[in-house]
Amino acid sequence: MDITVNILLTIATAATPLLIAAIGELVVERSGVLNLGVEGMMIMGAVGGFGAGYLTGSPWIGLL
């Protein structure tokens, strides 16, 4: 039972950013605009957050 809960929590944690991006893309597509760069924006945001956190030494700046 404990491993099942851990697996479900890991899946939910890993899937949350993808679900948020998919919902955002769904809203954009419903408005009639084609946006092909969702994955690239997610990657650049992650790289930028890591770089900001690393250069400033503050994880809160990276999270912001």
C-alpha atoms as a PDB file:
ATOM      1  CA  MET A   1       0.000   0.000   0.000  1.00  0.00           C
ATOM      2  CA  ASP A   2       2.802   2.394   0.874  1.00  0.00           C
ATOM      3  CA  ILE A   3       4.551   1.920  -2.464  1.00  0.00           C
ATOM      4  CA  THR A   4       1.298   2.545  -4.328  1.00  0.00           C
ATOM      5  CA  VAL A   5       0.850   5.869  -2.557  1.00  0.00           C
ATOM      6  CA  ASN A   6       4.458   6.822  -3.310  1.00  0.00           C
ATOM      7  CA  ILE A   7       4.040   5.957  -6.985  1.00  0.00           C
ATOM      8  CA  LEU A   8       0.830   7.985  -7.250  1.00  0.00           C
ATOM      9  CA  LEU A   9       2.428  10.981  -5.530  1.00  0.00           C
ATOM     10  CA  THR A  10       5.428  10.804  -7.862  1.00  0.00           C
ATOM     11  CA  ILE A  11       3.175  10.639 -10.905  1.00  0.00           C
ATOM     12  CA  ALA A  12       1.127  13.607  -9.691  1.00  0.00           C
ATOM     13  CA  THR A  13       4.274  15.628  -8.976  1.00  0.00           C
ATOM     14  CA  ALA A  14       5.815  14.881 -12.371  1.00  0.00           C
ATOM     15  CA  ALA A  15       2.596  15.457 -14.310  1.00  0.00           C
ATOM     16  CA  THR A  16       1.614  18.801 -12.768  1.00  0.00           C
ATOM     17  CA  PRO A  17       3.832  21.048 -14.962  1.00  0.00           C
ATOM     18  CA  LEU A  18       2.743  19.169 -18.070  1.00  0.00           C
ATOM     19  CA  LEU A  19      -0.921  19.534 -17.141  1.00  0.00           C
ATOM     20  CA  ILE A  20      -0.522  23.271 -16.552  1.00  0.00           C
ATOM     21  CA  ALA A  21       1.177  23.677 -19.952  1.00  0.00           C
ATOM     22  CA  ALA A  22      -1.487  21.565 -21.651  1.00  0.00           C
ATOM     23  CA  ILE A  23      -4.294  23.643 -20.142  1.00  0.00           C
ATOM     24  CA  GLY A  24      -2.558  26.838 -21.264  1.00  0.00           C
ATOM     25  CA  GLU A  25      -2.130  25.470 -24.779  1.00  0.00           C
ATOM     26  CA  LEU A  26      -5.773  24.405 -24.826  1.00  0.00           C
ATOM     27  CA  VAL A  27      -6.876  27.954 -24.000  1.00  0.00           C
ATOM     28  CA  VAL A  28      -4.622  29.379 -26.724  1.00  0.00           C
ATOM     29  CA  GLU A  29      -5.856  26.876 -29.319  1.00  0.00           C
ATOM     30  CA  ARG A  30      -9.494  27.591 -28.458  1.00  0.00           C
ATOM     31  CA  SER A  31      -8.854  31.284 -29.122  1.00  0.00           C
ATOM     32  CA  GLY A  32      -7.696  30.445 -32.651  1.00  0.00           C
ATOM     33  CA  VAL A  33      -3.962  31.064 -32.278  1.00  0.00           C
ATOM     34  CA  LEU A  34      -1.429  28.350 -33.121  1.00  0.00           C
ATOM     35  CA  ASN A  35       1.340  28.095 -30.529  1.00  0.00           C
ATOM     36  CA  LEU A  36       3.980  25.452 -31.237  1.00  0.00           C
ATOM     37  CA  GLY A  37       6.505  26.572 -28.635  1.00  0.00           C
ATOM     38  CA  VAL A  38       5.015  25.334 -25.364  1.00  0.00           C
ATOM     39  CA  GLU A  39       7.748  22.756 -24.704  1.00  0.00           C
ATOM     40  CA  GLY A  40      10.471  25.239 -25.604  1.00  0.00           C
ATOM     41  CA  MET A  41       9.022  27.855 -23.267  1.00  0.00           C
ATOM     42  CA  MET A  42       8.944  25.306 -20.445  1.00  0.00           C
ATOM     43  CA  ILE A  43      12.568  24.327 -21.054  1.00  0.00           C
ATOM     44  CA  MET A  44      13.791  27.933 -21.297  1.00  0.00           C
ATOM     45  CA  GLY A  45      11.892  28.823 -18.125  1.00  0.00           C
ATOM     46  CA  ALA A  46      13.536  25.938 -16.282  1.00  0.00           C
ATOM     47  CA  VAL A  47      16.995  26.874 -17.582  1.00  0.00           C
ATOM     48  CA  GLY A  48      16.447  30.536 -16.698  1.00  0.00           C
ATOM     49  CA  GLY A  49      15.231  29.676 -13.207  1.00  0.00           C
ATOM     50  CA  PHE A  50      18.201  27.404 -12.616  1.00  0.00           C
ATOM     51  CA  GLY A  51      20.623  30.040 -13.906  1.00  0.00           C
ATOM     52  CA  ALA A  52      19.119  32.793 -11.769  1.00  0.00           C
ATOM     53  CA  GLY A  53      19.131  30.601  -8.674  1.00  0.00           C
ATOM     54  CA  TYR A  54      22.696  29.463  -9.298  1.00  0.00           C
ATOM     55  CA  LEU A  55      24.106  32.929  -9.994  1.00  0.00           C
ATOM     56  CA  THR A  56      22.385  34.619  -7.049  1.00  0.00           C
ATOM     57  CA  GLY A  57      22.758  31.712  -4.636  1.00  0.00           C
ATOM     58  CA  SER A  58      19.095  32.070  -3.687  1.00  0.00           C
ATOM     59  CA  PRO A  59      16.661  29.283  -4.530  1.00  0.00           C
ATOM     60  CA  TRP A  60      13.776  31.740  -4.081  1.00  0.00           C
ATOM     61  CA  ILE A  61      15.038  33.886  -6.969  1.00  0.00           C
ATOM     62  CA  GLY A  62      15.196  30.754  -9.121  1.00  0.00           C
ATOM     63  CA  LEU A  63      11.654  29.870  -8.127  1.00  0.00           C
ATOM     64  CA  LEU A  64      10.411  33.364  -8.897  1.00  0.00           C
END
